[in-house]
Amino acid sequence: MESLKKQGYIEYLSDYLRFGTDKEKRELFNEDRKSISDIRERLDKLAADGRTVKRKAI
């Protein structure tokens, strides 16, 4: 359920990282450091548990 709620936010971050300038990326990281860190920790925990992140079915 949580992943569905945050899907738009994750897509926003992904677009920012792909298409943003270096300055925009630094600003995003400085403004939203806590959220980005939380995402990283969750992904690291999933990897340590041996599980993979489920992908959207097309």
PDB file of N, CA and C in Angstrom:
ATOM      1  N   MET A   1       0.817  -1.180   0.000  1.00  0.00           N
ATOM      2  CA  MET A   1       0.000   0.000   0.000  1.00  0.00           C
ATOM      3  C   MET A   1       0.872   1.258   0.000  1.00  0.00           C
ATOM      4  N   GLU A   2       1.896   1.250   0.833  1.00  0.00           N
ATOM      5  CA  GLU A   2       2.775   2.414   0.917  1.00  0.00           C
ATOM      6  C   GLU A   2       3.459   2.681  -0.422  1.00  0.00           C
ATOM      7  N   SER A   3       3.850   1.625  -1.104  1.00  0.00           N
ATOM      8  CA  SER A   3       4.543   1.822  -2.380  1.00  0.00           C
ATOM      9  C   SER A   3       3.643   2.511  -3.406  1.00  0.00           C
ATOM     10  N   LEU A   4       2.363   2.226  -3.367  1.00  0.00           N
ATOM     11  CA  LEU A   4       1.437   2.890  -4.286  1.00  0.00           C
ATOM     12  C   LEU A   4       1.285   4.370  -3.953  1.00  0.00           C
ATOM     13  N   LYS A   5       1.299   4.683  -2.677  1.00  0.00           N
ATOM     14  CA  LYS A   5       1.177   6.070  -2.258  1.00  0.00           C
ATOM     15  C   LYS A   5       2.408   6.887  -2.642  1.00  0.00           C
ATOM     16  N   LYS A   6       3.570   6.251  -2.627  1.00  0.00           N
ATOM     17  CA  LYS A   6       4.814   6.966  -2.891  1.00  0.00           C
ATOM     18  C   LYS A   6       5.304   6.810  -4.330  1.00  0.00           C
ATOM     19  N   GLN A   7       4.571   6.117  -5.146  1.00  0.00           N
ATOM     20  CA  GLN A   7       4.999   5.872  -6.517  1.00  0.00           C
ATOM     21  C   GLN A   7       5.225   7.189  -7.276  1.00  0.00           C
ATOM     22  N   GLY A   8       4.312   8.113  -7.158  1.00  0.00           N
ATOM     23  CA  GLY A   8       4.449   9.397  -7.835  1.00  0.00           C
ATOM     24  C   GLY A   8       5.679  10.160  -7.371  1.00  0.00           C
ATOM     25  N   TYR A   9       5.938  10.113  -6.076  1.00  0.00           N
ATOM     26  CA  TYR A   9       7.105  10.799  -5.519  1.00  0.00           C
ATOM     27  C   TYR A   9       8.403  10.176  -6.033  1.00  0.00           C
ATOM     28  N   ILE A  10       8.447   8.857  -6.084  1.00  0.00           N
ATOM     29  CA  ILE A  10       9.641   8.163  -6.578  1.00  0.00           C
ATOM     30  C   ILE A  10       9.854   8.486  -8.055  1.00  0.00           C
ATOM     31  N   GLU A  11       8.784   8.532  -8.831  1.00  0.00           N
ATOM     32  CA  GLU A  11       8.897   8.895 -10.247  1.00  0.00           C
ATOM     33  C   GLU A  11       9.406  10.333 -10.395  1.00  0.00           C
ATOM     34  N   TYR A  12       8.935  11.223  -9.524  1.00  0.00           N
ATOM     35  CA  TYR A  12       9.403  12.608  -9.518  1.00  0.00           C
ATOM     36  C   TYR A  12      10.903  12.661  -9.257  1.00  0.00           C
ATOM     37  N   LEU A  13      11.370  11.931  -8.237  1.00  0.00           N
ATOM     38  CA  LEU A  13      12.806  11.903  -7.939  1.00  0.00           C
ATOM     39  C   LEU A  13      13.599  11.338  -9.107  1.00  0.00           C
ATOM     40  N   SER A  14      13.093  10.283  -9.703  1.00  0.00           N
ATOM     41  CA  SER A  14      13.766   9.654 -10.832  1.00  0.00           C
ATOM     42  C   SER A  14      13.909  10.622 -12.006  1.00  0.00           C
ATOM     43  N   ASP A  15      12.841  11.322 -12.320  1.00  0.00           N
ATOM     44  CA  ASP A  15      12.894  12.304 -13.411  1.00  0.00           C
ATOM     45  C   ASP A  15      13.874  13.428 -13.097  1.00  0.00           C
ATOM     46  N   TYR A  16      13.855  13.882 -11.871  1.00  0.00           N
ATOM     47  CA  TYR A  16      14.767  14.951 -11.457  1.00  0.00           C
ATOM     48  C   TYR A  16      16.217  14.514 -11.616  1.00  0.00           C
ATOM     49  N   LEU A  17      16.497  13.273 -11.224  1.00  0.00           N
ATOM     50  CA  LEU A  17      17.867  12.772 -11.319  1.00  0.00           C
ATOM     51  C   LEU A  17      18.292  12.510 -12.757  1.00  0.00           C
ATOM     52  N   ARG A  18      17.362  12.125 -13.592  1.00  0.00           N
ATOM     53  CA  ARG A  18      17.698  11.863 -15.006  1.00  0.00           C
ATOM     54  C   ARG A  18      17.838  13.130 -15.823  1.00  0.00           C
ATOM     55  N   PHE A  19      16.955  14.090 -15.603  1.00  0.00           N
ATOM     56  CA  PHE A  19      16.890  15.236 -16.507  1.00  0.00           C
ATOM     57  C   PHE A  19      17.309  16.563 -15.882  1.00  0.00           C
ATOM     58  N   GLY A  20      17.504  16.595 -14.594  1.00  0.00           N
ATOM     59  CA  GLY A  20      17.865  17.840 -13.925  1.00  0.00           C
ATOM     60  C   GLY A  20      19.330  18.198 -14.143  1.00  0.00           C
ATOM     61  N   THR A  21      19.628  19.475 -13.985  1.00  0.00           N
ATOM     62  CA  THR A  21      21.012  19.926 -14.066  1.00  0.00           C
ATOM     63  C   THR A  21      21.738  19.511 -12.783  1.00  0.00           C
ATOM     64  N   ASP A  22      23.054  19.593 -12.800  1.00  0.00           N
ATOM     65  CA  ASP A  22      23.820  19.257 -11.599  1.00  0.00           C
ATOM     66  C   ASP A  22      23.409  20.127 -10.418  1.00  0.00           C
ATOM     67  N   LYS A  23      23.164  21.403 -10.674  1.00  0.00           N
ATOM     68  CA  LYS A  23      22.745  22.322  -9.617  1.00  0.00           C
ATOM     69  C   LYS A  23      21.395  21.898  -9.031  1.00  0.00           C
ATOM     70  N   GLU A  24      20.443  21.534  -9.898  1.00  0.00           N
ATOM     71  CA  GLU A  24      19.123  21.097  -9.438  1.00  0.00           C
ATOM     72  C   GLU A  24      19.229  19.813  -8.611  1.00  0.00           C
ATOM     73  N   LYS A  25      20.098  18.906  -9.034  1.00  0.00           N
ATOM     74  CA  LYS A  25      20.276  17.653  -8.305  1.00  0.00           C
ATOM     75  C   LYS A  25      20.840  17.916  -6.914  1.00  0.00           C
ATOM     76  N   ARG A  26      21.820  18.808  -6.817  1.00  0.00           N
ATOM     77  CA  ARG A  26      22.383  19.156  -5.508  1.00  0.00           C
ATOM     78  C   ARG A  26      21.328  19.798  -4.617  1.00  0.00           C
ATOM     79  N   GLU A  27      20.536  20.702  -5.177  1.00  0.00           N
ATOM     80  CA  GLU A  27      19.479  21.361  -4.404  1.00  0.00           C
ATOM     81  C   GLU A  27      18.451  20.348  -3.910  1.00  0.00           C
ATOM     82  N   LEU A  28      18.064  19.434  -4.788  1.00  0.00           N
ATOM     83  CA  LEU A  28      17.101  18.401  -4.402  1.00  0.00           C
ATOM     84  C   LEU A  28      17.650  17.562  -3.255  1.00  0.00           C
ATOM     85  N   PHE A  29      18.903  17.155  -3.375  1.00  0.00           N
ATOM     86  CA  PHE A  29      19.511  16.330  -2.336  1.00  0.00           C
ATOM     87  C   PHE A  29      19.581  17.089  -1.018  1.00  0.00           C
ATOM     88  N   ASN A  30      19.980  18.347  -1.061  1.00  0.00           N
ATOM     89  CA  ASN A  30      20.087  19.130   0.170  1.00  0.00           C
ATOM     90  C   ASN A  30      18.731  19.395   0.806  1.00  0.00           C
ATOM     91  N   GLU A  31      17.712  19.602   0.002  1.00  0.00           N
ATOM     92  CA  GLU A  31      16.375  19.874   0.524  1.00  0.00           C
ATOM     93  C   GLU A  31      15.674  18.625   1.031  1.00  0.00           C
ATOM     94  N   ASP A  32      15.940  17.490   0.407  1.00  0.00           N
ATOM     95  CA  ASP A  32      15.181  16.273   0.691  1.00  0.00           C
ATOM     96  C   ASP A  32      16.080  15.128   1.139  1.00  0.00           C
ATOM     97  N   ARG A  33      17.156  15.455   1.798  1.00  0.00           N
ATOM     98  CA  ARG A  33      18.163  14.468   2.202  1.00  0.00           C
ATOM     99  C   ARG A  33      17.568  13.337   3.050  1.00  0.00           C
ATOM    100  N   LYS A  34      16.681  13.654   3.969  1.00  0.00           N
ATOM    101  CA  LYS A  34      16.102  12.646   4.864  1.00  0.00           C
ATOM    102  C   LYS A  34      15.280  11.613   4.094  1.00  0.00           C
ATOM    103  N   SER A  35      14.427  12.066   3.193  1.00  0.00           N
ATOM    104  CA  SER A  35      13.607  11.127   2.412  1.00  0.00           C
ATOM    105  C   SER A  35      14.468  10.232   1.529  1.00  0.00           C
ATOM    106  N   ILE A  36      15.472  10.823   0.912  1.00  0.00           N
ATOM    107  CA  ILE A  36      16.357  10.053   0.043  1.00  0.00           C
ATOM    108  C   ILE A  36      17.134   9.020   0.862  1.00  0.00           C
ATOM    109  N   SER A  37      17.575   9.419   2.031  1.00  0.00           N
ATOM    110  CA  SER A  37      18.282   8.501   2.918  1.00  0.00           C
ATOM    111  C   SER A  37      17.376   7.350   3.362  1.00  0.00           C
ATOM    112  N   ASP A  38      16.122   7.656   3.669  1.00  0.00           N
ATOM    113  CA  ASP A  38      15.165   6.620   4.069  1.00  0.00           C
ATOM    114  C   ASP A  38      14.934   5.611   2.954  1.00  0.00           C
ATOM    115  N   ILE A  39      14.809   6.097   1.723  1.00  0.00           N
ATOM    116  CA  ILE A  39      14.623   5.204   0.569  1.00  0.00           C
ATOM    117  C   ILE A  39      15.835   4.299   0.420  1.00  0.00           C
ATOM    118  N   ARG A  40      17.016   4.873   0.532  1.00  0.00           N
ATOM    119  CA  ARG A  40      18.254   4.096   0.398  1.00  0.00           C
ATOM    120  C   ARG A  40      18.335   3.001   1.463  1.00  0.00           C
ATOM    121  N   GLU A  41      18.005   3.346   2.705  1.00  0.00           N
ATOM    122  CA  GLU A  41      18.039   2.367   3.796  1.00  0.00           C
ATOM    123  C   GLU A  41      17.058   1.229   3.555  1.00  0.00           C
ATOM    124  N   ARG A  42      15.870   1.548   3.071  1.00  0.00           N
ATOM    125  CA  ARG A  42      14.871   0.499   2.807  1.00  0.00           C
ATOM    126  C   ARG A  42      15.333  -0.433   1.697  1.00  0.00           C
ATOM    127  N   LEU A  43      15.915   0.143   0.635  1.00  0.00           N
ATOM    128  CA  LEU A  43      16.409  -0.689  -0.465  1.00  0.00           C
ATOM    129  C   LEU A  43      17.575  -1.560  -0.015  1.00  0.00           C
ATOM    130  N   ASP A  44      18.463  -1.014   0.802  1.00  0.00           N
ATOM    131  CA  ASP A  44      19.577  -1.797   1.335  1.00  0.00           C
ATOM    132  C   ASP A  44      19.068  -2.942   2.206  1.00  0.00           C
ATOM    133  N   LYS A  45      18.034  -2.670   2.996  1.00  0.00           N
ATOM    134  CA  LYS A  45      17.467  -3.716   3.851  1.00  0.00           C
ATOM    135  C   LYS A  45      16.847  -4.831   3.005  1.00  0.00           C
ATOM    136  N   LEU A  46      16.133  -4.450   1.950  1.00  0.00           N
ATOM    137  CA  LEU A  46      15.552  -5.462   1.057  1.00  0.00           C
ATOM    138  C   LEU A  46      16.642  -6.319   0.426  1.00  0.00           C
ATOM    139  N   ALA A  47      17.718  -5.686   0.006  1.00  0.00           N
ATOM    140  CA  ALA A  47      18.827  -6.424  -0.605  1.00  0.00           C
ATOM    141  C   ALA A  47      19.473  -7.368   0.403  1.00  0.00           C
ATOM    142  N   ALA A  48      19.621  -6.921   1.634  1.00  0.00           N
ATOM    143  CA  ALA A  48      20.222  -7.754   2.676  1.00  0.00           C
ATOM    144  C   ALA A  48      19.329  -8.943   3.019  1.00  0.00           C
ATOM    145  N   ASP A  49      18.032  -8.749   2.928  1.00  0.00           N
ATOM    146  CA  ASP A  49      17.085  -9.835   3.226  1.00  0.00           C
ATOM    147  C   ASP A  49      16.975 -10.826   2.073  1.00  0.00           C
ATOM    148  N   GLY A  50      17.607 -10.500   0.956  1.00  0.00           N
ATOM    149  CA  GLY A  50      17.567 -11.394  -0.188  1.00  0.00           C
ATOM    150  C   GLY A  50      16.316 -11.261  -1.028  1.00  0.00           C
ATOM    151  N   ARG A  51      15.531 -10.218  -0.753  1.00  0.00           N
ATOM    152  CA  ARG A  51      14.320 -10.001  -1.538  1.00  0.00           C
ATOM    153  C   ARG A  51      14.610  -8.981  -2.618  1.00  0.00           C
ATOM    154  N   THR A  52      13.816  -9.012  -3.641  1.00  0.00           N
ATOM    155  CA  THR A  52      13.962  -8.023  -4.699  1.00  0.00           C
ATOM    156  C   THR A  52      12.746  -7.089  -4.688  1.00  0.00           C
ATOM    157  N   VAL A  53      12.944  -5.927  -5.190  1.00  0.00           N
ATOM    158  CA  VAL A  53      11.846  -4.965  -5.300  1.00  0.00           C
ATOM    159  C   VAL A  53      10.968  -5.401  -6.462  1.00  0.00           C
ATOM    160  N   LYS A  54       9.672  -5.493  -6.212  1.00  0.00           N
ATOM    161  CA  LYS A  54       8.751  -5.904  -7.271  1.00  0.00           C
ATOM    162  C   LYS A  54       8.618  -4.796  -8.303  1.00  0.00           C
ATOM    163  N   ARG A  55       8.584  -5.176  -9.548  1.00  0.00           N
ATOM    164  CA  ARG A  55       8.430  -4.227 -10.637  1.00  0.00           C
ATOM    165  C   ARG A  55       6.971  -4.189 -11.070  1.00  0.00           C
ATOM    166  N   LYS A  56       6.594  -3.070 -11.650  1.00  0.00           N
ATOM    167  CA  LYS A  56       5.232  -2.945 -12.169  1.00  0.00           C
ATOM    168  C   LYS A  56       5.058  -3.893 -13.346  1.00  0.00           C
ATOM    169  N   ALA A  57       3.922  -4.528 -13.401  1.00  0.00           N
ATOM    170  CA  ALA A  57       3.582  -5.359 -14.557  1.00  0.00           C
ATOM    171  C   ALA A  57       3.126  -4.447 -15.684  1.00  0.00           C
ATOM    172  N   ILE A  58       3.593  -4.752 -16.851  1.00  0.00           N
ATOM    173  CA  ILE A  58       3.202  -3.932 -18.016  1.00  0.00           C
ATOM    174  C   ILE A  58       2.079  -4.599 -18.756  1.00  0.00           C
TER     175      ILE A  58
END
